[in-house]
Structures are given as C-alpha cells and as structure tokens.
C-alpha cells in the first residue's frame, strides 16, 4: 500500500482555518448593511455564509488533490455546512446557519453516547486509537467526557444565538468554539496520563 501523503503543516492550517477566517471577515464587512443580489436583500450573515460554503468545498478539494484522502470529521462537517448553509442562502434565513453547530454537536454527543452506553465501545478509539494509546477504561472515560462537552456546546450555542445576539454568536462560531475545545482538551491531560497504554505497547 502506498504511503499516505502528508500535507505541509502550514498549508494544512490554512486549509482548516482559512475558510473560517474569511467567513468571519466577510461577516464583519457586511454586518451593518444588507447585500442585494438579483433583486433580493441578504443580511450580513447570509452573505458571509454564501462565501463560506464554497470555501469549505474548495478546501476539501485541495486537500483531496494533494493527499488523495479526506478526514472523516472534515467530510461530515462539510456536509453539515453545505446543507445548513445552503438552506440559509436559499431561504434567506440565518436561523439555519445559527443552528448548524447545535446539530453537529448534538449528533457527535448522540453517536459517541450511543457507542459507550448502548454498545459498550468507544468510537473515538476507532478514530484515534493509532495515535493515542489508552487503556480500555481510558477510552471509555475520555469518550464520556467528550459526550458531555459536545452536549454542553450544543446548549451553549443555542443560548448564545438566542439570547446574546448575532455578534456574540459569530465569535463563538468562528474562534470561540476552537478556544473552548482547546481548554477542554487541556483539562483531559491528567486522565490521558493516568490511562496511557504506552508501556504495554
């Protein structure tokens, strides 16, 4: 089997963060004014979403062209962005794009929770087992914590766009969720250290 091609780290970062950064800048550009196209007025967030969707697809296309592989998580996220972003632009209703993170986080929480509490297995181990050796108990605890985190993020997203306003939600959707994810991961280091399976490997 041919060795999997690896992206340059800087290019990988650009492909992952670039569309989000452009989305944020586009919103800032159109936040205080509507955009008229073909006789229809679109709010700033709808206009930014219309730019974001093709950029996500372009990012995946470039990644595929260079590596001939696509991360499962990136493909799933792109599908959700296209569906909810498409509905946002087509119906000219930003409710769909604001609910997008809620749907993503809820699905992740449900799938991972179903795995550990119904099937007794960690789907995270299937995705990350080769790069992060943990004991069986470690994987179950780590996955459980992700379920709680994703569920909390779904609730927080709904609270933000419904009660804190569009400006706060844009910050959460672009950079806030990444910061919160990094903070969550930092809190998991003690668990990962306790249940590391490196010695056994």
N, C-alpha and C. Protein backbone atom coordinates (compact mmCIF):
# COMPACT_ATOMS: atom_id res chain seq x y z
N UNK A 1 0.85 -1.20 0.00
CA UNK A 1 0.00 0.00 0.00
C UNK A 1 0.88 1.24 0.00
N UNK A 2 0.54 2.20 -0.85
CA UNK A 2 1.33 3.44 -0.94
C UNK A 2 1.21 4.23 0.36
N UNK A 3 2.32 4.83 0.74
CA UNK A 3 2.31 5.62 1.97
C UNK A 3 1.42 6.85 1.81
N UNK A 4 0.62 7.11 2.84
CA UNK A 4 -0.30 8.25 2.79
C UNK A 4 0.48 9.56 2.75
N UNK A 5 0.11 10.41 1.82
CA UNK A 5 0.79 11.70 1.68
C UNK A 5 0.37 12.63 2.81
N UNK A 6 1.32 13.40 3.31
CA UNK A 6 1.07 14.33 4.39
C UNK A 6 1.13 15.76 3.87
N UNK A 7 0.20 16.58 4.34
CA UNK A 7 0.20 17.99 3.97
C UNK A 7 1.25 18.75 4.75
N UNK A 8 1.81 19.78 4.13
CA UNK A 8 2.67 20.70 4.84
C UNK A 8 1.86 21.29 6.00
N UNK A 9 2.42 21.34 7.22
CA UNK A 9 1.65 21.82 8.38
C UNK A 9 1.06 23.21 8.20
N UNK A 10 1.81 24.10 7.54
CA UNK A 10 1.30 25.45 7.33
C UNK A 10 0.12 25.42 6.35
N UNK A 11 0.25 24.65 5.28
CA UNK A 11 -0.84 24.53 4.31
C UNK A 11 -2.05 23.88 4.96
N UNK A 12 -1.82 22.87 5.79
CA UNK A 12 -2.93 22.20 6.49
C UNK A 12 -3.68 23.20 7.38
N UNK A 13 -2.92 24.06 8.08
CA UNK A 13 -3.55 25.07 8.93
C UNK A 13 -4.35 26.06 8.10
N UNK A 14 -3.80 26.47 6.95
CA UNK A 14 -4.51 27.41 6.07
C UNK A 14 -5.81 26.80 5.57
N UNK A 15 -5.77 25.52 5.18
CA UNK A 15 -6.97 24.86 4.67
C UNK A 15 -8.03 24.69 5.74
N UNK A 16 -7.60 24.54 6.99
CA UNK A 16 -8.56 24.34 8.08
C UNK A 16 -9.11 25.66 8.62
N UNK A 17 -8.22 26.64 8.78
CA UNK A 17 -8.60 27.91 9.41
C UNK A 17 -9.01 28.96 8.38
N UNK A 18 -8.45 28.86 7.17
CA UNK A 18 -8.70 29.87 6.14
C UNK A 18 -10.17 30.14 5.88
N UNK A 19 -10.98 29.11 5.58
CA UNK A 19 -12.40 29.37 5.32
C UNK A 19 -13.12 30.03 6.48
N UNK A 20 -12.77 29.64 7.71
CA UNK A 20 -13.39 30.22 8.90
C UNK A 20 -13.01 31.70 9.03
N UNK A 21 -11.72 32.00 8.79
CA UNK A 21 -11.26 33.39 8.89
C UNK A 21 -11.94 34.27 7.85
N UNK A 22 -12.05 33.77 6.61
CA UNK A 22 -12.72 34.54 5.55
C UNK A 22 -14.19 34.73 5.89
N UNK A 23 -14.82 33.70 6.43
CA UNK A 23 -16.22 33.78 6.87
C UNK A 23 -16.41 34.90 7.89
N UNK A 24 -15.50 34.94 8.87
CA UNK A 24 -15.57 35.97 9.91
C UNK A 24 -15.36 37.36 9.31
N UNK A 25 -14.37 37.51 8.44
CA UNK A 25 -14.09 38.81 7.83
C UNK A 25 -15.24 39.26 6.93
N UNK A 26 -15.84 38.30 6.22
CA UNK A 26 -16.98 38.64 5.36
C UNK A 26 -18.15 39.13 6.19
N UNK A 27 -18.38 38.48 7.33
CA UNK A 27 -19.46 38.94 8.20
C UNK A 27 -19.18 40.35 8.70
N UNK A 28 -17.92 40.60 9.13
CA UNK A 28 -17.57 41.93 9.62
C UNK A 28 -17.77 42.98 8.52
N UNK A 29 -17.49 42.59 7.29
CA UNK A 29 -17.63 43.52 6.16
C UNK A 29 -19.09 43.87 5.90
N UNK A 30 -19.97 42.88 6.03
CA UNK A 30 -21.38 43.10 5.69
C UNK A 30 -22.30 43.19 6.90
N UNK A 31 -21.73 43.24 8.10
CA UNK A 31 -22.54 43.19 9.32
C UNK A 31 -23.54 44.32 9.42
N UNK A 32 -23.15 45.51 9.00
CA UNK A 32 -24.01 46.69 9.19
C UNK A 32 -24.77 47.09 7.93
N UNK A 33 -24.79 46.19 6.95
CA UNK A 33 -25.51 46.52 5.72
C UNK A 33 -26.00 45.24 5.06
N UNK A 34 -27.05 45.35 4.30
CA UNK A 34 -27.55 44.20 3.56
C UNK A 34 -26.88 44.14 2.19
N UNK A 35 -26.87 42.97 1.62
CA UNK A 35 -26.29 42.76 0.29
C UNK A 35 -27.43 42.43 -0.67
N UNK A 36 -27.52 43.15 -1.76
CA UNK A 36 -28.58 42.92 -2.74
C UNK A 36 -28.03 42.15 -3.93
N UNK A 37 -28.68 41.03 -4.25
CA UNK A 37 -28.28 40.22 -5.39
C UNK A 37 -29.54 39.73 -6.09
N UNK A 38 -29.62 39.97 -7.38
CA UNK A 38 -30.77 39.56 -8.19
C UNK A 38 -32.08 40.08 -7.60
N UNK A 39 -32.02 41.28 -7.05
CA UNK A 39 -33.22 41.91 -6.53
C UNK A 39 -33.61 41.49 -5.14
N UNK A 40 -32.79 40.62 -4.50
CA UNK A 40 -33.10 40.15 -3.15
C UNK A 40 -32.06 40.66 -2.17
N UNK A 41 -32.52 41.13 -1.02
CA UNK A 41 -31.61 41.61 0.01
C UNK A 41 -31.24 40.49 0.97
N UNK A 42 -29.94 40.40 1.26
CA UNK A 42 -29.43 39.39 2.17
C UNK A 42 -28.72 40.07 3.33
N UNK A 43 -28.92 39.55 4.54
CA UNK A 43 -28.23 40.10 5.71
C UNK A 43 -26.75 39.73 5.65
N UNK A 44 -25.97 40.37 6.51
CA UNK A 44 -24.54 40.12 6.51
C UNK A 44 -24.18 38.67 6.76
N UNK A 45 -24.88 38.02 7.67
CA UNK A 45 -24.55 36.64 7.99
C UNK A 45 -24.92 35.69 6.86
N UNK A 46 -25.99 36.00 6.15
CA UNK A 46 -26.36 35.18 5.00
C UNK A 46 -25.34 35.35 3.88
N UNK A 47 -24.91 36.59 3.64
CA UNK A 47 -23.89 36.85 2.62
C UNK A 47 -22.58 36.15 2.97
N UNK A 48 -22.19 36.20 4.25
CA UNK A 48 -20.97 35.53 4.67
C UNK A 48 -21.08 34.02 4.51
N UNK A 49 -22.25 33.48 4.78
CA UNK A 49 -22.47 32.04 4.61
C UNK A 49 -22.36 31.64 3.15
N UNK A 50 -22.85 32.49 2.25
CA UNK A 50 -22.75 32.21 0.82
C UNK A 50 -21.30 32.14 0.37
N UNK A 51 -20.41 32.82 1.06
CA UNK A 51 -18.98 32.76 0.75
C UNK A 51 -18.34 31.56 1.44
N UNK A 52 -18.79 31.25 2.64
CA UNK A 52 -18.21 30.19 3.45
C UNK A 52 -18.39 28.81 2.83
N UNK A 53 -19.59 28.53 2.31
CA UNK A 53 -19.90 27.19 1.80
C UNK A 53 -18.95 26.77 0.67
N UNK A 54 -18.79 27.57 -0.39
CA UNK A 54 -17.86 27.14 -1.44
C UNK A 54 -16.41 27.07 -0.97
N UNK A 55 -16.03 27.89 0.00
CA UNK A 55 -14.66 27.83 0.51
C UNK A 55 -14.40 26.51 1.24
N UNK A 56 -15.38 26.02 1.98
CA UNK A 56 -15.24 24.73 2.64
C UNK A 56 -15.04 23.63 1.61
N UNK A 57 -15.83 23.66 0.54
CA UNK A 57 -15.72 22.65 -0.51
C UNK A 57 -14.38 22.77 -1.23
N UNK A 58 -13.93 23.99 -1.47
CA UNK A 58 -12.63 24.21 -2.12
C UNK A 58 -11.51 23.67 -1.24
N UNK A 59 -11.60 23.90 0.06
CA UNK A 59 -10.59 23.40 0.99
C UNK A 59 -10.50 21.87 0.94
N UNK A 60 -11.66 21.20 0.92
CA UNK A 60 -11.68 19.74 0.82
C UNK A 60 -11.10 19.27 -0.51
N UNK A 61 -11.44 19.99 -1.58
CA UNK A 61 -10.95 19.60 -2.91
C UNK A 61 -9.43 19.69 -2.98
N UNK A 62 -8.87 20.76 -2.42
CA UNK A 62 -7.41 20.92 -2.42
C UNK A 62 -6.76 19.84 -1.58
N UNK A 63 -7.33 19.56 -0.42
CA UNK A 63 -6.79 18.51 0.44
C UNK A 63 -6.82 17.15 -0.26
N UNK A 64 -7.92 16.86 -0.95
CA UNK A 64 -8.03 15.60 -1.68
C UNK A 64 -7.03 15.54 -2.83
N UNK A 65 -6.88 16.63 -3.55
CA UNK A 65 -5.96 16.65 -4.69
C UNK A 65 -4.51 16.40 -4.25
N UNK A 66 -4.17 16.87 -3.05
CA UNK A 66 -2.78 16.75 -2.59
C UNK A 66 -2.50 15.45 -1.85
N UNK A 67 -3.51 14.87 -1.20
CA UNK A 67 -3.27 13.69 -0.37
C UNK A 67 -4.05 12.45 -0.81
N UNK A 68 -5.09 12.63 -1.61
CA UNK A 68 -6.00 11.55 -2.01
C UNK A 68 -6.70 10.90 -0.83
N UNK A 69 -6.77 11.63 0.27
CA UNK A 69 -7.53 11.17 1.44
C UNK A 69 -8.25 12.36 2.04
N UNK A 70 -9.34 12.07 2.77
CA UNK A 70 -10.08 13.12 3.46
C UNK A 70 -10.44 12.63 4.86
N UNK A 71 -10.18 13.44 5.89
CA UNK A 71 -10.56 13.04 7.25
C UNK A 71 -12.08 12.90 7.36
N UNK A 72 -12.52 11.86 8.04
CA UNK A 72 -13.97 11.62 8.18
C UNK A 72 -14.67 12.81 8.82
N UNK A 73 -14.02 13.39 9.84
CA UNK A 73 -14.63 14.50 10.55
C UNK A 73 -14.80 15.71 9.65
N UNK A 74 -13.79 15.96 8.79
CA UNK A 74 -13.85 17.10 7.88
C UNK A 74 -14.97 16.92 6.86
N UNK A 75 -15.14 15.69 6.38
CA UNK A 75 -16.20 15.42 5.40
C UNK A 75 -17.57 15.60 6.05
N UNK A 76 -17.73 15.08 7.26
CA UNK A 76 -19.01 15.21 7.96
C UNK A 76 -19.35 16.67 8.21
N UNK A 77 -18.35 17.43 8.69
CA UNK A 77 -18.57 18.85 8.95
C UNK A 77 -18.93 19.59 7.67
N UNK A 78 -18.25 19.27 6.57
CA UNK A 78 -18.54 19.92 5.30
C UNK A 78 -19.96 19.64 4.83
N UNK A 79 -20.42 18.41 5.03
CA UNK A 79 -21.79 18.07 4.63
C UNK A 79 -22.80 18.91 5.41
N UNK A 80 -22.58 19.03 6.72
CA UNK A 80 -23.49 19.83 7.54
C UNK A 80 -23.45 21.29 7.12
N UNK A 81 -22.24 21.81 6.86
CA UNK A 81 -22.11 23.21 6.44
C UNK A 81 -22.84 23.44 5.12
N UNK A 82 -22.69 22.52 4.18
CA UNK A 82 -23.35 22.67 2.87
C UNK A 82 -24.87 22.62 3.01
N UNK A 83 -25.36 21.67 3.81
CA UNK A 83 -26.82 21.52 3.96
C UNK A 83 -27.42 22.75 4.65
N UNK A 84 -26.89 23.10 5.81
CA UNK A 84 -27.47 24.21 6.56
C UNK A 84 -27.09 25.56 5.96
N UNK A 85 -25.89 25.66 5.42
CA UNK A 85 -25.52 26.89 4.73
C UNK A 85 -26.34 27.09 3.47
N UNK A 86 -26.58 25.99 2.74
CA UNK A 86 -27.41 26.07 1.54
C UNK A 86 -28.83 26.51 1.86
N UNK A 87 -29.40 25.95 2.93
CA UNK A 87 -30.74 26.36 3.35
C UNK A 87 -30.77 27.83 3.76
N UNK A 88 -29.71 28.27 4.43
CA UNK A 88 -29.63 29.66 4.87
C UNK A 88 -29.70 30.61 3.68
N UNK A 89 -28.91 30.31 2.65
CA UNK A 89 -28.86 31.19 1.47
C UNK A 89 -30.13 31.04 0.64
N UNK A 90 -30.56 29.82 0.43
CA UNK A 90 -31.72 29.56 -0.42
C UNK A 90 -32.99 30.19 0.15
N UNK A 91 -33.19 30.04 1.46
CA UNK A 91 -34.39 30.57 2.10
C UNK A 91 -34.18 31.97 2.68
N UNK A 92 -32.93 32.46 2.58
CA UNK A 92 -32.58 33.79 3.10
C UNK A 92 -32.97 33.91 4.57
N UNK A 93 -32.59 32.87 5.34
CA UNK A 93 -32.95 32.80 6.76
C UNK A 93 -31.72 32.32 7.54
N UNK A 94 -31.16 33.19 8.36
CA UNK A 94 -29.93 32.83 9.06
C UNK A 94 -30.15 31.89 10.24
N UNK A 95 -31.40 31.53 10.52
CA UNK A 95 -31.67 30.59 11.61
C UNK A 95 -30.97 29.25 11.35
N UNK A 96 -30.94 28.83 10.09
CA UNK A 96 -30.36 27.54 9.77
C UNK A 96 -28.86 27.50 10.06
N UNK A 97 -28.16 28.53 9.68
CA UNK A 97 -26.71 28.52 9.92
C UNK A 97 -26.40 28.67 11.40
N UNK A 98 -27.26 29.37 12.14
CA UNK A 98 -27.04 29.51 13.58
C UNK A 98 -27.31 28.20 14.31
N UNK A 99 -28.19 27.37 13.77
CA UNK A 99 -28.48 26.08 14.39
C UNK A 99 -27.49 24.99 13.96
N UNK A 100 -26.68 25.28 12.94
CA UNK A 100 -25.73 24.28 12.43
C UNK A 100 -24.83 23.70 13.52
N UNK A 101 -24.16 24.54 14.35
CA UNK A 101 -23.31 23.95 15.39
C UNK A 101 -24.09 23.10 16.39
N UNK A 102 -25.33 23.51 16.68
CA UNK A 102 -26.16 22.73 17.60
C UNK A 102 -26.37 21.32 17.05
N UNK A 103 -26.68 21.24 15.77
CA UNK A 103 -26.91 19.93 15.13
C UNK A 103 -25.63 19.09 15.14
N UNK A 104 -24.50 19.72 14.79
CA UNK A 104 -23.23 18.99 14.75
C UNK A 104 -22.87 18.46 16.14
N UNK A 105 -22.90 19.33 17.15
CA UNK A 105 -22.53 18.90 18.50
C UNK A 105 -23.50 17.85 19.03
N UNK A 106 -24.79 18.01 18.75
CA UNK A 106 -25.78 17.05 19.23
C UNK A 106 -25.58 15.68 18.60
N UNK A 107 -25.27 15.66 17.29
CA UNK A 107 -25.02 14.39 16.61
C UNK A 107 -23.78 13.71 17.17
N UNK A 108 -22.71 14.48 17.37
CA UNK A 108 -21.50 13.90 17.95
C UNK A 108 -21.79 13.32 19.33
N UNK A 109 -22.51 14.08 20.16
CA UNK A 109 -22.82 13.60 21.51
C UNK A 109 -23.66 12.33 21.45
N UNK A 110 -24.65 12.31 20.55
CA UNK A 110 -25.53 11.13 20.43
C UNK A 110 -24.75 9.92 19.95
N UNK A 111 -23.94 10.08 18.92
CA UNK A 111 -23.21 8.94 18.35
C UNK A 111 -22.22 8.37 19.36
N UNK A 112 -21.45 9.24 20.00
CA UNK A 112 -20.47 8.77 20.98
C UNK A 112 -21.17 8.17 22.21
N UNK A 113 -22.25 8.82 22.65
CA UNK A 113 -23.00 8.31 23.79
C UNK A 113 -23.64 6.96 23.49
N UNK A 114 -24.17 6.79 22.29
CA UNK A 114 -24.75 5.51 21.89
C UNK A 114 -23.69 4.42 21.93
N UNK A 115 -22.48 4.78 21.49
CA UNK A 115 -21.41 3.79 21.47
C UNK A 115 -21.04 3.29 22.86
N UNK A 116 -20.86 4.23 23.80
CA UNK A 116 -20.38 3.81 25.13
C UNK A 116 -21.48 3.27 26.02
N UNK A 117 -22.69 3.80 25.92
CA UNK A 117 -23.74 3.39 26.85
C UNK A 117 -24.68 2.32 26.30
N UNK A 118 -24.73 2.15 25.00
CA UNK A 118 -25.59 1.12 24.40
C UNK A 118 -24.76 -0.05 23.89
N UNK A 119 -23.68 0.26 23.18
CA UNK A 119 -22.86 -0.81 22.60
C UNK A 119 -21.64 -1.16 23.44
N UNK A 120 -21.34 -0.31 24.42
CA UNK A 120 -20.19 -0.60 25.28
C UNK A 120 -18.86 -0.48 24.57
N UNK A 121 -18.75 0.45 23.64
CA UNK A 121 -17.50 0.63 22.90
C UNK A 121 -17.26 2.12 22.65
N UNK A 122 -16.00 2.45 22.44
CA UNK A 122 -15.63 3.84 22.18
C UNK A 122 -15.38 4.04 20.69
N UNK A 123 -16.21 4.88 20.07
CA UNK A 123 -15.97 5.20 18.66
C UNK A 123 -14.75 6.09 18.48
N UNK A 124 -14.39 6.83 19.53
CA UNK A 124 -13.17 7.64 19.45
C UNK A 124 -11.95 6.76 19.29
N UNK A 125 -11.97 5.60 19.91
CA UNK A 125 -10.85 4.67 19.77
C UNK A 125 -10.69 4.24 18.32
N UNK A 126 -11.81 4.07 17.63
CA UNK A 126 -11.78 3.70 16.21
C UNK A 126 -11.13 4.80 15.39
N UNK A 127 -11.37 6.06 15.76
CA UNK A 127 -10.84 7.19 15.01
C UNK A 127 -9.41 7.54 15.40
N UNK A 128 -9.07 7.38 16.68
CA UNK A 128 -7.81 7.93 17.18
C UNK A 128 -6.91 6.90 17.86
N UNK A 129 -7.30 5.65 17.85
CA UNK A 129 -6.57 4.64 18.59
C UNK A 129 -5.11 4.48 18.19
N UNK A 130 -4.81 4.71 16.91
CA UNK A 130 -3.45 4.51 16.43
C UNK A 130 -2.50 5.60 16.91
N UNK A 131 -3.02 6.79 17.16
CA UNK A 131 -2.15 7.91 17.52
C UNK A 131 -2.18 8.22 19.01
N UNK A 132 -3.11 7.61 19.75
CA UNK A 132 -3.22 7.91 21.17
C UNK A 132 -3.53 6.63 21.94
N UNK A 133 -2.51 5.90 22.34
CA UNK A 133 -2.73 4.63 23.05
C UNK A 133 -3.27 4.84 24.45
N UNK A 134 -4.46 4.30 24.71
CA UNK A 134 -5.08 4.37 26.03
C UNK A 134 -5.59 2.99 26.40
N UNK A 135 -5.78 2.79 27.70
CA UNK A 135 -6.42 1.56 28.16
C UNK A 135 -7.90 1.58 27.77
N UNK A 136 -8.54 0.42 27.88
CA UNK A 136 -9.97 0.35 27.56
C UNK A 136 -10.78 1.30 28.44
N UNK A 137 -10.48 1.32 29.74
CA UNK A 137 -11.17 2.22 30.65
C UNK A 137 -10.91 3.67 30.28
N UNK A 138 -9.67 3.95 29.89
CA UNK A 138 -9.31 5.31 29.50
C UNK A 138 -10.13 5.79 28.32
N UNK A 139 -10.29 4.93 27.32
CA UNK A 139 -11.08 5.32 26.15
C UNK A 139 -12.54 5.57 26.51
N UNK A 140 -13.09 4.74 27.38
CA UNK A 140 -14.48 4.92 27.77
C UNK A 140 -14.67 6.23 28.54
N UNK A 141 -13.74 6.54 29.45
CA UNK A 141 -13.85 7.79 30.21
C UNK A 141 -13.62 9.00 29.32
N UNK A 142 -12.64 8.91 28.45
CA UNK A 142 -12.33 10.01 27.54
C UNK A 142 -13.51 10.28 26.61
N UNK A 143 -14.11 9.23 26.10
CA UNK A 143 -15.27 9.37 25.21
C UNK A 143 -16.46 9.95 25.97
N UNK A 144 -16.68 9.47 27.20
CA UNK A 144 -17.77 10.00 28.02
C UNK A 144 -17.63 11.51 28.22
N UNK A 145 -16.42 11.95 28.49
CA UNK A 145 -16.18 13.38 28.70
C UNK A 145 -16.46 14.18 27.43
N UNK A 146 -16.13 13.61 26.27
CA UNK A 146 -16.46 14.28 25.01
C UNK A 146 -17.97 14.38 24.81
N UNK A 147 -18.69 13.36 25.22
CA UNK A 147 -20.16 13.40 25.11
C UNK A 147 -20.71 14.59 25.91
N UNK A 148 -20.22 14.74 27.15
CA UNK A 148 -20.68 15.85 27.98
C UNK A 148 -20.27 17.19 27.38
N UNK A 149 -19.07 17.25 26.84
CA UNK A 149 -18.59 18.50 26.24
C UNK A 149 -19.43 18.87 25.02
N UNK A 150 -19.67 17.91 24.13
CA UNK A 150 -20.47 18.20 22.94
C UNK A 150 -21.89 18.61 23.31
N UNK A 151 -22.47 17.94 24.29
CA UNK A 151 -23.83 18.30 24.72
C UNK A 151 -23.86 19.71 25.29
N UNK A 152 -22.84 20.06 26.08
CA UNK A 152 -22.77 21.40 26.66
C UNK A 152 -22.59 22.46 25.57
N UNK A 153 -21.78 22.13 24.55
CA UNK A 153 -21.56 23.08 23.46
C UNK A 153 -22.83 23.29 22.65
N UNK A 154 -23.63 22.24 22.47
CA UNK A 154 -24.90 22.37 21.75
C UNK A 154 -25.83 23.33 22.49
N UNK A 155 -25.93 23.15 23.81
CA UNK A 155 -26.78 24.03 24.62
C UNK A 155 -26.23 25.45 24.60
N UNK A 156 -24.92 25.58 24.72
CA UNK A 156 -24.30 26.91 24.75
C UNK A 156 -24.50 27.64 23.42
N UNK A 157 -24.44 26.92 22.31
CA UNK A 157 -24.67 27.54 21.01
C UNK A 157 -26.09 28.09 20.91
N UNK A 158 -27.05 27.29 21.35
CA UNK A 158 -28.44 27.74 21.31
C UNK A 158 -28.64 28.97 22.19
N UNK A 159 -28.07 28.93 23.39
CA UNK A 159 -28.20 30.06 24.31
C UNK A 159 -27.57 31.31 23.72
N UNK A 160 -26.41 31.16 23.07
CA UNK A 160 -25.68 32.32 22.55
C UNK A 160 -26.47 33.03 21.46
N UNK A 161 -26.93 32.29 20.44
CA UNK A 161 -27.58 32.98 19.33
C UNK A 161 -28.99 33.45 19.68
N UNK A 162 -29.62 32.79 20.64
CA UNK A 162 -30.98 33.19 21.00
C UNK A 162 -31.02 34.34 22.01
N UNK A 163 -30.02 34.41 22.89
CA UNK A 163 -30.08 35.39 23.99
C UNK A 163 -28.95 36.41 24.00
N UNK A 164 -27.79 36.07 23.45
CA UNK A 164 -26.66 37.00 23.48
C UNK A 164 -26.50 37.79 22.19
N UNK A 165 -27.17 37.37 21.14
CA UNK A 165 -27.16 38.14 19.90
C UNK A 165 -26.20 37.61 18.85
N UNK A 166 -26.34 38.17 17.65
CA UNK A 166 -25.60 37.69 16.49
C UNK A 166 -24.10 37.91 16.60
N UNK A 167 -23.71 39.07 17.13
CA UNK A 167 -22.29 39.38 17.25
C UNK A 167 -21.58 38.36 18.13
N UNK A 168 -22.17 38.04 19.28
CA UNK A 168 -21.58 37.05 20.18
C UNK A 168 -21.54 35.68 19.53
N UNK A 169 -22.60 35.35 18.78
CA UNK A 169 -22.64 34.04 18.15
C UNK A 169 -21.56 33.89 17.09
N UNK A 170 -21.31 34.93 16.31
CA UNK A 170 -20.27 34.87 15.28
C UNK A 170 -18.90 34.58 15.91
N UNK A 171 -18.61 35.25 17.01
CA UNK A 171 -17.35 35.00 17.70
C UNK A 171 -17.27 33.55 18.18
N UNK A 172 -18.37 33.04 18.72
CA UNK A 172 -18.40 31.65 19.17
C UNK A 172 -18.22 30.70 18.01
N UNK A 173 -18.92 30.94 16.91
CA UNK A 173 -18.91 30.03 15.77
C UNK A 173 -17.56 29.98 15.08
N UNK A 174 -16.84 31.07 15.08
CA UNK A 174 -15.56 31.11 14.36
C UNK A 174 -14.37 30.75 15.25
N UNK A 175 -14.16 31.51 16.30
CA UNK A 175 -12.97 31.32 17.13
C UNK A 175 -13.28 30.79 18.53
N UNK A 176 -14.45 31.12 19.06
CA UNK A 176 -14.77 30.73 20.42
C UNK A 176 -14.81 29.24 20.62
N UNK A 177 -15.41 28.51 19.67
CA UNK A 177 -15.52 27.06 19.83
C UNK A 177 -14.15 26.39 19.80
N UNK A 178 -13.22 26.94 19.00
CA UNK A 178 -11.87 26.38 18.97
C UNK A 178 -11.17 26.60 20.30
N UNK A 179 -11.32 27.80 20.86
CA UNK A 179 -10.69 28.10 22.15
C UNK A 179 -11.26 27.21 23.25
N UNK A 180 -12.58 27.05 23.27
CA UNK A 180 -13.21 26.20 24.27
C UNK A 180 -12.79 24.74 24.12
N UNK A 181 -12.61 24.30 22.88
CA UNK A 181 -12.17 22.92 22.65
C UNK A 181 -10.76 22.71 23.17
N UNK A 182 -9.87 23.68 22.92
CA UNK A 182 -8.50 23.57 23.44
C UNK A 182 -8.49 23.55 24.97
N UNK A 183 -9.35 24.38 25.58
CA UNK A 183 -9.43 24.40 27.04
C UNK A 183 -9.92 23.04 27.56
N UNK A 184 -10.93 22.50 26.90
CA UNK A 184 -11.43 21.18 27.29
C UNK A 184 -10.34 20.12 27.18
N UNK A 185 -9.60 20.13 26.07
CA UNK A 185 -8.53 19.14 25.90
C UNK A 185 -7.48 19.27 26.98
N UNK A 186 -7.17 20.51 27.37
CA UNK A 186 -6.18 20.73 28.43
C UNK A 186 -6.63 20.09 29.74
N UNK A 187 -7.94 20.11 30.00
CA UNK A 187 -8.44 19.51 31.24
C UNK A 187 -8.39 17.98 31.19
N UNK A 188 -8.19 17.40 30.01
CA UNK A 188 -8.18 15.94 29.86
C UNK A 188 -6.79 15.33 30.02
N UNK A 189 -5.75 16.17 30.08
CA UNK A 189 -4.39 15.64 30.17
C UNK A 189 -4.18 14.71 31.37
N UNK A 190 -4.68 15.06 32.57
CA UNK A 190 -4.50 14.14 33.70
C UNK A 190 -5.12 12.76 33.44
N UNK A 191 -6.31 12.74 32.84
CA UNK A 191 -6.96 11.46 32.54
C UNK A 191 -6.13 10.68 31.52
N UNK A 192 -5.64 11.35 30.49
CA UNK A 192 -4.85 10.68 29.46
C UNK A 192 -3.56 10.11 30.04
N UNK A 193 -2.94 10.85 30.95
CA UNK A 193 -1.71 10.37 31.57
C UNK A 193 -1.97 9.15 32.45
N UNK A 194 -3.07 9.20 33.20
CA UNK A 194 -3.38 8.08 34.09
C UNK A 194 -3.67 6.79 33.34
N UNK A 195 -4.29 6.93 32.17
CA UNK A 195 -4.74 5.73 31.44
C UNK A 195 -3.91 5.47 30.18
N UNK A 196 -2.73 6.04 30.13
CA UNK A 196 -1.87 5.79 28.97
C UNK A 196 -1.49 4.32 28.89
N UNK A 197 -1.50 3.78 27.68
CA UNK A 197 -1.18 2.37 27.46
C UNK A 197 0.15 2.20 26.75
N UNK A 198 0.97 3.25 26.79
CA UNK A 198 2.24 3.23 26.04
C UNK A 198 3.18 2.15 26.55
N UNK A 199 3.23 1.97 27.88
CA UNK A 199 4.15 0.98 28.45
C UNK A 199 3.79 -0.43 27.97
N UNK A 200 2.48 -0.68 27.88
CA UNK A 200 2.07 -2.02 27.43
C UNK A 200 2.40 -2.23 25.97
N UNK A 201 2.33 -1.13 25.16
CA UNK A 201 2.66 -1.28 23.75
C UNK A 201 4.15 -1.47 23.57
